[in-house]
Amino acid sequence: MSSASLIGSEAVRQLADALKCEALPIHWNLGAGEQQDLERLIQHHGTEQLVEVVARRAVPGDAPKPARYWLRAWSDLDATLARPAATASAVARHHSPRRNHSDALMAGLALLAGEGGDV
């Protein structure tokens, strides 16, 4: 079976052509559901960004990796885009006006100093 028969949609063919132009070979072995996932990623992120992921992660001289490997890497783009919002909310919670242990320690030392204690 040729690799062309394993590449379904026009968007996936364009991605395959772009990768080939950049000398980034891939073994195309995706099932129908995986191709739909890839089409969604292409629509969401664009061909250029998916090619960029392969270009950054591919090791020159290594054997071509299967498309399933790259599908997982490309899917990480969705997780990466979702992280900043989660991180921002975590930072907001972390910097809440709650007192931490060092604040309590400093307040206790200040009280002792005020009572004439030797600090």
Protein backbone atom coordinates (compact mmCIF):
# COMPACT_ATOMS: atom_id res chain seq x y z
CA MET A 1 0.00 0.00 0.00
CA SER A 2 1.50 3.37 -0.95
CA SER A 3 1.80 6.26 1.48
CA ALA A 4 -0.54 8.30 -0.74
CA SER A 5 -3.35 5.82 -0.07
CA LEU A 6 -2.75 6.21 3.67
CA ILE A 7 -3.20 9.98 3.51
CA GLY A 8 -6.90 10.79 3.38
CA SER A 9 -7.94 14.41 3.17
CA GLU A 10 -6.51 17.25 1.16
CA ALA A 11 -5.38 18.99 4.37
CA VAL A 12 -3.42 15.91 5.43
CA ARG A 13 -1.91 15.62 1.93
CA GLN A 14 -0.81 19.27 2.14
CA LEU A 15 0.81 18.58 5.52
CA ALA A 16 2.58 15.53 4.07
CA ASP A 17 3.83 17.61 1.13
CA ALA A 18 5.05 20.40 3.44
CA LEU A 19 6.94 17.89 5.59
CA LYS A 20 8.46 16.32 2.48
CA CYS A 21 9.58 19.75 1.23
CA GLU A 22 11.34 20.30 4.57
CA ALA A 23 13.02 16.85 4.32
CA LEU A 24 11.09 15.62 7.35
CA PRO A 25 9.96 12.11 6.40
CA ILE A 26 7.08 10.44 8.21
CA HIS A 27 5.60 6.95 7.90
CA TRP A 28 1.89 7.57 7.33
CA ASN A 29 -0.02 4.89 9.21
CA LEU A 30 -3.11 6.63 10.60
CA GLY A 31 -6.53 5.07 10.85
CA ALA A 32 -9.70 6.97 9.93
CA GLY A 33 -10.29 8.31 13.44
CA GLU A 34 -6.67 9.41 13.79
CA GLN A 35 -6.88 11.18 10.43
CA GLN A 36 -9.93 13.07 11.68
CA ASP A 37 -7.96 14.07 14.78
CA LEU A 38 -5.12 15.26 12.56
CA GLU A 39 -7.51 17.22 10.33
CA ARG A 40 -8.85 18.98 13.43
CA LEU A 41 -5.31 19.82 14.54
CA ILE A 42 -4.47 21.17 11.07
CA GLN A 43 -7.59 23.36 11.12
CA HIS A 44 -6.89 24.58 14.64
CA HIS A 45 -3.11 25.12 14.46
CA GLY A 46 -2.29 25.24 10.75
CA THR A 47 0.13 23.25 8.64
CA GLU A 48 3.08 25.53 9.39
CA GLN A 49 2.85 25.01 13.14
CA LEU A 50 2.63 21.23 12.79
CA VAL A 51 5.66 21.22 10.48
CA GLU A 52 7.49 23.40 13.02
CA VAL A 53 6.85 20.82 15.77
CA VAL A 54 8.41 18.09 13.64
CA ALA A 55 11.34 20.31 12.66
CA ARG A 56 12.09 21.11 16.33
CA ARG A 57 11.80 17.53 17.58
CA ALA A 58 13.15 15.46 14.70
CA VAL A 59 16.72 14.24 15.06
CA PRO A 60 18.68 14.41 11.79
CA GLY A 61 19.77 10.96 10.70
CA ASP A 62 17.17 9.10 12.76
CA ALA A 63 14.75 6.80 11.00
CA PRO A 64 11.41 8.43 10.12
CA LYS A 65 8.91 8.21 12.94
CA PRO A 66 5.35 7.00 12.36
CA ALA A 67 2.54 9.52 12.00
CA ARG A 68 1.01 8.18 15.24
CA TYR A 69 4.11 9.40 17.12
CA TRP A 70 3.73 12.87 15.62
CA LEU A 71 -0.02 12.88 16.22
CA ARG A 72 0.72 12.67 19.96
CA ALA A 73 3.28 15.49 19.66
CA TRP A 74 0.86 17.64 17.68
CA SER A 75 -1.89 16.95 20.22
CA ASP A 76 0.41 18.43 22.88
CA LEU A 77 -0.16 21.80 21.18
CA ASP A 78 -3.71 21.77 22.55
CA ALA A 79 -2.44 21.07 26.07
CA THR A 80 0.21 23.77 25.75
CA LEU A 81 -2.38 26.35 24.76
CA ALA A 82 -4.61 25.36 27.69
CA ARG A 83 -1.82 25.61 30.29
CA PRO A 84 -1.38 29.40 30.49
CA ALA A 85 -4.96 29.94 31.68
CA ALA A 86 -4.58 27.22 34.31
CA THR A 87 -1.22 28.61 35.37
CA ALA A 88 -2.62 32.13 35.69
CA SER A 89 -5.39 30.92 38.00
CA ALA A 90 -2.88 28.92 40.04
CA VAL A 91 -0.67 32.01 40.38
CA ALA A 92 -3.67 34.06 41.47
CA ARG A 93 -4.48 31.47 44.16
CA HIS A 94 -0.83 31.29 45.26
CA HIS A 95 -0.56 35.06 45.69
CA SER A 96 -3.76 35.43 47.64
CA PRO A 97 -3.69 37.78 50.62
CA ARG A 98 -3.36 34.85 53.04
CA ARG A 99 -0.53 35.10 55.50
CA ASN A 100 2.22 32.58 55.21
CA HIS A 101 4.40 31.10 57.97
CA SER A 102 7.17 33.67 57.65
CA ASP A 103 4.62 36.49 58.12
CA ALA A 104 3.46 34.86 61.34
CA LEU A 105 7.05 34.37 62.53
CA MET A 106 7.92 38.01 61.82
CA ALA A 107 4.81 39.19 63.66
CA GLY A 108 5.75 37.05 66.67
CA LEU A 109 9.29 38.39 66.69
CA ALA A 110 7.99 41.95 66.49
CA LEU A 111 5.75 41.28 69.53
CA LEU A 112 8.67 39.88 71.48
CA ALA A 113 10.84 42.86 70.58
CA GLY A 114 8.05 45.18 71.69
CA GLU A 115 7.85 43.46 75.08
CA GLY A 116 11.53 44.04 75.65
CA GLY A 117 12.49 40.47 74.85
CA ASP A 118 15.94 39.74 73.50
CA VAL A 119 15.49 38.79 69.86
